[in-house]
Amino acid sequence: MPRLDPEVVVSRESALAVSGFPLLGAWPTRVHVVTSRRPRDRVSAHLHQHAGELHDDEVSTVQGLRVAVPRRAAVDVARLLDLRGGVVVLDHGLATGAFSRPDLERVLAEGGRVQGSRRAAASIAFSQAGAESPGESLSRVVIHSAGLRPPELQKRFPAIGPLVGIVDFWWPCCGVIGEFDGEVKYRDAAMRGGRSPEQVVIDEKLREDALRAMPGVRAFVRWNWSDAFRGAPLLRKLAAAHVC
């Protein structure tokens, strides 16, 4: 970036990376920027310069770089990705307060009917602030695409009184709790809060036992990244618990 024209703006996936967003799958090998100085796109080994222009309110400064604001970068990326990838990005922005759904809808409308607008519109319509991790977002899309009943997100047990736990997914229709079991809770020292990985496993087992004992809870289903990414293993686990 320091070697480019000072008016160049980091855009698309690169802007999301600078702003701390997740992305489903591999990050691009090229840095994406937008510039009004070129009549057409130019692609080199490490840089993709998109011809275009951003409004002043669509540019911010992050770590000394001119960067497309999250709402603009997220919509641009959602135009390129399928529902899974788009929702992972948009859920994160909604959950962290980086933007609101009206923000996204406004950016999409201002961009007009360009390629990928229908994909982005579908991702915006399905996105929610309740998913707290990319794995939960991916799981939601798998569940939705299979035609299963939509779960409640971040359900508190019990609804009132001393907290037993807040679960990722809850199907009140069939009394099933669902939890995306990412490895970060065991590997990340900050998330362990001074506990050993072994103690985290023990605490998770005690929490699950307490949740299973709550009135109305009939089954407890766990799945991991591999299950959610492949889709079929997650759906088999939910089917075994009679989620429909």
Protein backbone atom coordinates (compact mmCIF):
# COMPACT_ATOMS: atom_id res chain seq x y z
CA MET A 1 0.00 0.00 0.00
CA PRO A 2 2.72 2.58 0.74
CA ARG A 3 3.97 2.17 -2.85
CA LEU A 4 0.56 2.98 -4.35
CA ASP A 5 -1.21 6.25 -4.98
CA PRO A 6 -2.41 7.73 -1.65
CA GLU A 7 -5.98 7.80 -2.99
CA VAL A 8 -6.09 4.00 -3.32
CA VAL A 9 -8.41 2.26 -0.83
CA VAL A 10 -8.11 -1.28 0.54
CA SER A 11 -11.31 -3.08 -0.51
CA ARG A 12 -13.31 -6.32 -0.52
CA GLU A 13 -11.73 -9.30 1.30
CA SER A 14 -8.61 -7.28 2.10
CA ALA A 15 -10.68 -4.60 3.84
CA LEU A 16 -12.45 -7.30 5.85
CA ALA A 17 -9.10 -8.78 6.87
CA VAL A 18 -7.83 -5.41 8.09
CA SER A 19 -11.08 -4.93 10.04
CA GLY A 20 -10.82 -8.33 11.75
CA PHE A 21 -13.59 -10.19 9.91
CA PRO A 22 -13.60 -13.95 9.32
CA LEU A 23 -13.83 -15.49 5.87
CA LEU A 24 -15.00 -19.01 5.00
CA GLY A 25 -12.18 -20.81 3.20
CA ALA A 26 -8.81 -19.43 2.12
CA TRP A 27 -8.01 -15.75 1.99
CA PRO A 28 -7.15 -14.34 -1.46
CA THR A 29 -3.50 -14.41 -2.47
CA ARG A 30 -3.78 -10.85 -3.86
CA VAL A 31 -4.47 -7.61 -2.00
CA HIS A 32 -7.67 -6.01 -3.27
CA VAL A 33 -7.84 -2.24 -3.66
CA VAL A 34 -10.10 0.21 -5.45
CA THR A 35 -8.87 3.23 -7.38
CA SER A 36 -10.51 5.93 -9.48
CA ARG A 37 -7.25 6.50 -11.37
CA ARG A 38 -7.72 3.50 -13.66
CA PRO A 39 -10.34 3.02 -16.41
CA ARG A 40 -10.33 -0.77 -15.93
CA ASP A 41 -9.16 -3.43 -13.47
CA ARG A 42 -5.49 -4.35 -13.32
CA VAL A 43 -4.28 -7.64 -11.84
CA SER A 44 -0.67 -8.47 -10.93
CA ALA A 45 0.93 -11.25 -8.91
CA HIS A 46 0.14 -9.70 -5.53
CA LEU A 47 -2.38 -6.94 -6.26
CA HIS A 48 -5.84 -6.60 -7.77
CA GLN A 49 -6.70 -2.97 -8.53
CA HIS A 50 -10.44 -2.51 -9.10
CA ALA A 51 -11.50 0.46 -11.20
CA GLY A 52 -14.06 2.45 -9.26
CA GLU A 53 -14.65 5.05 -6.62
CA LEU A 54 -15.90 5.04 -3.04
CA HIS A 55 -17.81 7.87 -1.38
CA ASP A 56 -16.09 9.66 1.50
CA ASP A 57 -18.40 8.01 4.03
CA GLU A 58 -17.39 4.59 2.68
CA VAL A 59 -13.72 5.03 3.60
CA SER A 60 -12.10 4.93 7.04
CA THR A 61 -8.53 4.80 8.31
CA VAL A 62 -7.38 1.58 9.98
CA GLN A 63 -3.80 1.14 11.16
CA GLY A 64 -2.79 4.03 8.92
CA LEU A 65 -4.44 2.53 5.82
CA ARG A 66 -7.36 3.90 3.82
CA VAL A 67 -9.88 1.07 4.03
CA ALA A 68 -13.42 0.51 2.77
CA VAL A 69 -15.79 0.58 5.75
CA PRO A 70 -17.13 -2.84 6.78
CA ARG A 71 -20.66 -2.36 5.39
CA ARG A 72 -19.33 -1.62 1.90
CA ALA A 73 -16.64 -4.31 1.95
CA ALA A 74 -19.09 -6.90 3.30
CA VAL A 75 -21.68 -6.25 0.58
CA ASP A 76 -19.01 -6.30 -2.14
CA VAL A 77 -17.80 -9.68 -0.88
CA ALA A 78 -21.32 -11.05 -0.40
CA ARG A 79 -21.94 -10.42 -4.11
CA LEU A 80 -19.12 -12.86 -4.89
CA LEU A 81 -19.82 -15.65 -2.41
CA ASP A 82 -22.48 -18.30 -1.98
CA LEU A 83 -24.92 -18.18 0.94
CA ARG A 84 -22.50 -19.96 3.27
CA GLY A 85 -19.64 -17.53 2.68
CA GLY A 86 -21.81 -14.43 2.60
CA VAL A 87 -23.59 -15.25 5.86
CA VAL A 88 -20.31 -15.94 7.70
CA VAL A 89 -19.18 -12.39 6.85
CA LEU A 90 -22.50 -10.64 7.46
CA ASP A 91 -23.35 -12.46 10.71
CA HIS A 92 -19.99 -11.35 12.14
CA GLY A 93 -20.62 -7.71 11.27
CA LEU A 94 -24.11 -7.76 12.77
CA ALA A 95 -22.94 -9.57 15.93
CA THR A 96 -20.08 -7.13 16.53
CA GLY A 97 -22.11 -4.01 15.69
CA ALA A 98 -19.92 -3.14 12.70
CA PHE A 99 -23.11 -2.44 10.74
CA SER A 100 -26.86 -3.01 10.80
CA ARG A 101 -29.16 -4.74 8.32
CA PRO A 102 -30.49 -1.35 7.07
CA ASP A 103 -26.87 -0.32 6.45
CA LEU A 104 -26.36 -3.38 4.24
CA GLU A 105 -29.65 -2.94 2.40
CA ARG A 106 -28.80 0.69 1.67
CA VAL A 107 -25.36 -0.17 0.26
CA LEU A 108 -26.89 -2.90 -1.88
CA ALA A 109 -29.60 -0.59 -3.23
CA GLU A 110 -27.12 2.20 -3.99
CA GLY A 111 -24.99 -0.23 -6.00
CA GLY A 112 -27.82 -0.98 -8.41
CA ARG A 113 -28.53 -4.28 -10.15
CA VAL A 114 -24.97 -5.44 -10.76
CA GLN A 115 -23.65 -8.98 -10.95
CA GLY A 116 -24.09 -10.85 -7.67
CA SER A 117 -26.74 -8.53 -6.25
CA ARG A 118 -29.25 -11.36 -5.86
CA ARG A 119 -26.68 -13.47 -4.00
CA ALA A 120 -25.90 -10.56 -1.68
CA ALA A 121 -29.60 -9.86 -1.09
CA ALA A 122 -30.20 -13.48 -0.08
CA SER A 123 -27.26 -13.41 2.34
CA ILE A 124 -28.39 -10.11 3.86
CA ALA A 125 -31.94 -11.41 4.33
CA PHE A 126 -30.72 -14.54 6.11
CA SER A 127 -27.99 -12.96 8.26
CA GLN A 128 -28.53 -12.54 12.02
CA ALA A 129 -26.70 -11.00 14.94
CA GLY A 130 -27.30 -14.08 17.11
CA ALA A 131 -24.56 -16.25 15.60
CA GLU A 132 -21.42 -15.73 17.68
CA SER A 133 -18.87 -17.55 15.52
CA PRO A 134 -18.24 -18.43 11.87
CA GLY A 135 -19.00 -22.06 12.70
CA GLU A 136 -22.42 -21.15 14.01
CA SER A 137 -23.12 -19.08 10.89
CA LEU A 138 -22.08 -21.93 8.61
CA SER A 139 -24.23 -24.34 10.63
CA ARG A 140 -27.25 -22.09 10.26
CA VAL A 141 -26.94 -22.15 6.48
CA VAL A 142 -26.59 -25.95 6.42
CA ILE A 143 -29.70 -26.30 8.60
CA HIS A 144 -31.66 -23.81 6.49
CA SER A 145 -30.61 -25.34 3.17
CA ALA A 146 -31.78 -28.77 4.36
CA GLY A 147 -35.25 -27.38 5.07
CA LEU A 148 -35.11 -28.01 8.81
CA ARG A 149 -37.01 -25.85 11.26
CA PRO A 150 -35.05 -22.73 12.21
CA PRO A 151 -33.62 -22.92 15.72
CA GLU A 152 -33.60 -20.19 18.33
CA LEU A 153 -30.12 -18.72 18.76
CA GLN A 154 -28.31 -18.07 22.05
CA LYS A 155 -31.11 -19.54 24.16
CA ARG A 156 -30.78 -18.98 27.92
CA PHE A 157 -31.48 -21.86 30.32
CA PRO A 158 -33.52 -21.36 32.39
CA ALA A 159 -35.36 -18.35 30.96
CA ILE A 160 -35.33 -16.77 34.45
CA GLY A 161 -33.40 -17.59 37.57
CA PRO A 162 -29.78 -18.68 38.11
CA LEU A 163 -28.03 -19.26 34.80
CA VAL A 164 -27.23 -22.85 33.84
CA GLY A 165 -26.06 -22.07 30.32
CA ILE A 166 -26.63 -20.21 27.06
CA VAL A 167 -26.72 -22.59 24.11
CA ASP A 168 -25.95 -21.92 20.44
CA PHE A 169 -29.12 -23.52 19.03
CA TRP A 170 -32.44 -24.57 20.54
CA TRP A 171 -35.34 -26.36 18.88
CA PRO A 172 -38.30 -25.98 21.27
CA CYS A 173 -40.46 -28.02 18.89
CA CYS A 174 -38.55 -31.18 19.72
CA GLY A 175 -36.59 -30.28 22.86
CA VAL A 176 -33.16 -30.40 21.23
CA ILE A 177 -30.12 -28.31 22.15
CA GLY A 178 -27.45 -27.89 19.47
CA GLU A 179 -23.88 -26.73 20.09
CA PHE A 180 -21.14 -25.93 17.60
CA ASP A 181 -18.04 -27.27 19.33
CA GLY A 182 -15.09 -25.27 18.04
CA GLU A 183 -11.59 -26.17 19.23
CA VAL A 184 -10.73 -22.59 20.18
CA LYS A 185 -12.35 -22.96 23.61
CA TYR A 186 -9.81 -25.69 24.40
CA ARG A 187 -6.73 -24.28 22.63
CA ASP A 188 -7.00 -20.52 23.30
CA ALA A 189 -5.50 -19.68 26.71
CA ALA A 190 -7.49 -16.44 26.90
CA MET A 191 -10.78 -18.29 26.43
CA ARG A 192 -9.80 -20.95 28.97
CA GLY A 193 -9.53 -18.26 31.65
CA GLY A 194 -6.60 -19.88 33.43
CA ARG A 195 -8.02 -23.41 33.19
CA SER A 196 -6.21 -26.34 31.63
CA PRO A 197 -7.69 -27.93 28.48
CA GLU A 198 -8.57 -30.94 30.62
CA GLN A 199 -10.50 -28.78 33.07
CA VAL A 200 -12.35 -27.11 30.21
CA VAL A 201 -13.47 -30.56 29.02
CA ILE A 202 -14.65 -31.45 32.52
CA ASP A 203 -16.50 -28.16 32.91
CA GLU A 204 -18.18 -28.62 29.51
CA LYS A 205 -19.34 -32.11 30.54
CA LEU A 206 -20.82 -30.77 33.78
CA ARG A 207 -22.53 -27.95 31.90
CA GLU A 208 -23.98 -30.38 29.37
CA ASP A 209 -25.27 -32.66 32.14
CA ALA A 210 -26.96 -29.70 33.83
CA LEU A 211 -28.56 -28.59 30.56
CA ARG A 212 -29.77 -32.11 29.77
CA ALA A 213 -31.53 -32.09 33.14
CA MET A 214 -33.49 -28.90 32.36
CA PRO A 215 -37.26 -29.29 31.87
CA GLY A 216 -38.17 -29.73 28.20
CA VAL A 217 -34.69 -30.76 27.06
CA ARG A 218 -34.84 -34.16 25.35
CA ALA A 219 -31.52 -34.31 23.48
CA PHE A 220 -28.18 -32.53 23.23
CA VAL A 221 -26.29 -32.54 19.89
CA ARG A 222 -22.70 -31.43 19.36
CA TRP A 223 -20.86 -30.96 16.08
CA ASN A 224 -17.52 -29.53 14.90
CA TRP A 225 -16.05 -27.64 11.95
CA SER A 226 -15.69 -30.74 9.82
CA ASP A 227 -19.32 -31.71 10.40
CA ALA A 228 -20.60 -28.24 9.50
CA PHE A 229 -18.32 -27.72 6.50
CA ARG A 230 -19.24 -31.05 4.92
CA GLY A 231 -22.87 -30.59 5.92
CA ALA A 232 -24.04 -34.21 5.75
CA PRO A 233 -22.49 -35.27 9.11
CA LEU A 234 -24.21 -32.37 10.86
CA LEU A 235 -27.55 -33.25 9.30
CA ARG A 236 -27.17 -36.91 10.27
CA LYS A 237 -26.61 -35.93 13.90
CA LEU A 238 -29.68 -33.70 13.89
CA ALA A 239 -31.75 -36.42 12.21
CA ALA A 240 -30.72 -38.89 14.90
CA ALA A 241 -32.07 -36.41 17.47
CA HIS A 242 -35.31 -36.17 15.45
CA VAL A 243 -34.89 -32.53 14.44
CA CYS A 244 -37.07 -31.99 11.40
